[in-house]
Amino acid sequence: GFDQKYTIYAQSFDKQRNILDSTKPVEVYSGAPPAVSIVSPKDNDYFSPEQKIILQSKLSPTNDGIAKVEFQIKDASNDIIKKCPSYHSDRLGIYSCLWRAPNKLNQTYFIQAVSYAKQSSYYGQKTPASYSEIVMVNVK
């Protein structure tokens, strides 16, 4: 996990030899990120149009270095139709989000959970820490 904490110190000087000190605390990730997996729904589950579906995922091993888990829902064209974020896990480490199935019959959707680390960034943008398997659901 994010178990190494450091402080970066920097000094800058201007033409008049004024000194500006700066410090920045950082946490260093020392191992592989926890794997994220989808708990619910199950692969190839069936739902009705506009049915409320609870999306759930779990991290293994659980880790407080994760900022959020986002469920990405794609249609058959592989276009993301919804991003459903979950910022807090319950006492069992389950991240949940509620998704209402679109009001379209005979559709297939693909759900993937993506975890994002608290301290991971690339030019200020959060970068994914891990991806789950893809789960297919059907709306009939």
Protein backbone atom coordinates (compact mmCIF):
# COMPACT_ATOMS: atom_id res chain seq x y z
CA GLY A 1 0.00 0.00 0.00
CA PHE A 2 0.94 3.63 0.36
CA ASP A 3 3.21 2.95 3.29
CA GLN A 4 6.24 5.14 2.68
CA LYS A 5 5.86 8.83 3.56
CA TYR A 6 8.43 11.42 2.55
CA THR A 7 8.72 15.18 2.46
CA ILE A 8 10.27 16.91 -0.53
CA TYR A 9 12.12 20.13 0.24
CA ALA A 10 12.92 22.73 -2.42
CA GLN A 11 14.51 26.16 -2.43
CA SER A 12 14.25 28.75 -5.16
CA PHE A 13 16.26 31.93 -5.52
CA ASP A 14 15.37 35.12 -7.39
CA LYS A 15 17.80 37.69 -8.86
CA GLN A 16 17.89 39.62 -5.59
CA ARG A 17 18.98 36.41 -3.82
CA ASN A 18 15.73 36.08 -1.94
CA ILE A 19 15.10 32.49 -0.93
CA LEU A 20 11.73 30.76 -1.07
CA ASP A 21 11.48 27.45 0.78
CA SER A 22 8.83 24.94 -0.13
CA THR A 23 7.89 21.54 1.23
CA LYS A 24 5.53 18.91 -0.14
CA PRO A 25 4.54 15.71 1.70
CA VAL A 26 4.24 12.68 -0.59
CA GLU A 27 3.33 9.06 -0.12
CA VAL A 28 5.10 6.43 -2.19
CA TYR A 29 3.34 3.30 -3.30
CA SER A 30 5.58 0.38 -2.49
CA GLY A 31 3.75 -2.54 -4.07
CA ALA A 32 1.14 -3.66 -6.51
CA PRO A 33 -2.23 -1.96 -6.15
CA PRO A 34 -5.09 -4.02 -4.77
CA ALA A 35 -7.06 -5.94 -7.37
CA VAL A 36 -10.63 -4.81 -7.90
CA SER A 37 -13.34 -7.34 -8.71
CA ILE A 38 -17.07 -7.06 -9.36
CA VAL A 39 -19.22 -8.73 -6.71
CA SER A 40 -22.59 -7.84 -8.24
CA PRO A 41 -24.13 -8.17 -10.78
CA LYS A 42 -23.00 -11.58 -11.97
CA ASP A 43 -21.90 -12.17 -15.55
CA ASN A 44 -24.84 -12.70 -17.92
CA ASP A 45 -27.49 -11.53 -15.40
CA TYR A 46 -30.83 -10.32 -16.79
CA PHE A 47 -32.65 -7.12 -15.84
CA SER A 48 -35.74 -5.22 -16.91
CA PRO A 49 -35.68 -1.80 -18.56
CA GLU A 50 -35.37 0.97 -15.93
CA GLN A 51 -34.63 -1.56 -13.19
CA LYS A 52 -32.40 -0.24 -10.42
CA ILE A 53 -29.22 -2.32 -10.30
CA ILE A 54 -26.79 -2.21 -7.40
CA LEU A 55 -23.23 -2.39 -8.71
CA GLN A 56 -20.77 -3.69 -6.13
CA SER A 57 -17.03 -4.30 -6.16
CA LYS A 58 -14.38 -5.31 -3.68
CA LEU A 59 -10.64 -4.68 -3.39
CA SER A 60 -8.23 -7.45 -2.51
CA PRO A 61 -6.34 -6.90 -0.34
CA THR A 62 -8.32 -4.00 1.07
CA ASN A 63 -6.31 -0.81 1.03
CA ASP A 64 -6.87 2.72 2.26
CA GLY A 65 -4.72 4.01 -0.61
CA ILE A 66 -7.72 3.91 -2.96
CA ALA A 67 -9.66 7.13 -3.47
CA LYS A 68 -12.62 5.66 -5.35
CA VAL A 69 -13.91 2.84 -7.47
CA GLU A 70 -15.71 3.83 -10.65
CA PHE A 71 -18.05 1.52 -12.53
CA GLN A 72 -17.87 2.08 -16.28
CA ILE A 73 -20.88 0.88 -18.22
CA LYS A 74 -20.47 0.37 -21.96
CA ASP A 75 -22.99 -0.47 -24.64
CA ALA A 76 -22.55 -3.04 -27.43
CA SER A 77 -20.64 -0.41 -29.48
CA ASN A 78 -18.05 -0.18 -26.64
CA ASP A 79 -19.08 3.41 -25.90
CA ILE A 80 -19.15 4.40 -22.23
CA ILE A 81 -22.76 5.33 -21.52
CA LYS A 82 -22.35 5.88 -17.77
CA LYS A 83 -19.65 6.33 -15.15
CA CYS A 84 -20.87 5.51 -11.68
CA PRO A 85 -18.35 6.46 -8.94
CA SER A 86 -18.21 5.08 -5.43
CA TYR A 87 -15.98 6.95 -2.97
CA HIS A 88 -16.56 4.95 0.21
CA SER A 89 -16.64 1.28 1.01
CA ASP A 90 -18.86 -0.27 3.64
CA ARG A 91 -17.49 -2.07 6.70
CA LEU A 92 -16.83 -5.16 4.56
CA GLY A 93 -14.83 -3.21 1.99
CA ILE A 94 -17.60 -3.25 -0.65
CA TYR A 95 -17.88 -0.24 -2.98
CA SER A 96 -21.43 0.27 -4.29
CA CYS A 97 -23.22 2.41 -6.83
CA LEU A 98 -26.83 2.44 -8.04
CA TRP A 99 -27.45 2.29 -11.80
CA ARG A 100 -30.83 2.40 -13.50
CA ALA A 101 -30.88 0.24 -16.62
CA PRO A 102 -31.81 2.21 -19.76
CA ASN A 103 -35.38 1.98 -21.01
CA LYS A 104 -34.41 -0.12 -24.04
CA LEU A 105 -35.34 -3.74 -24.67
CA ASN A 106 -32.94 -6.45 -25.85
CA GLN A 107 -29.75 -4.62 -25.01
CA THR A 108 -26.44 -5.92 -23.70
CA TYR A 109 -24.17 -3.83 -21.48
CA PHE A 110 -20.65 -4.38 -20.21
CA ILE A 111 -19.60 -3.28 -16.72
CA GLN A 112 -16.03 -2.85 -15.51
CA ALA A 113 -14.84 -1.51 -12.14
CA VAL A 114 -11.80 0.76 -12.11
CA SER A 115 -10.00 1.72 -8.88
CA TYR A 116 -8.17 5.03 -8.53
CA ALA A 117 -5.34 5.60 -6.06
CA LYS A 118 -5.38 8.60 -3.72
CA GLN A 119 -1.87 9.73 -4.58
CA SER A 120 -1.54 8.58 -8.18
CA SER A 121 -1.54 11.40 -10.67
CA TYR A 122 -0.17 12.29 -14.06
CA TYR A 123 -0.18 16.02 -14.76
CA GLY A 124 -2.82 16.47 -12.07
CA GLN A 125 -5.12 13.76 -13.43
CA LYS A 126 -5.94 10.68 -11.37
CA THR A 127 -4.74 7.50 -13.06
CA PRO A 128 -6.31 4.05 -12.66
CA ALA A 129 -4.70 1.68 -10.16
CA SER A 130 -6.48 -1.51 -11.28
CA TYR A 131 -9.27 -2.83 -13.51
CA SER A 132 -11.79 -5.59 -12.83
CA GLU A 133 -12.95 -8.28 -15.16
CA ILE A 134 -15.76 -7.24 -17.52
CA VAL A 135 -19.26 -8.38 -16.58
CA MET A 136 -21.98 -8.64 -19.24
CA VAL A 137 -25.59 -7.84 -18.30
CA ASN A 138 -28.72 -8.10 -20.43
CA VAL A 139 -31.77 -5.86 -20.41
CA LYS A 140 -34.80 -7.80 -21.72
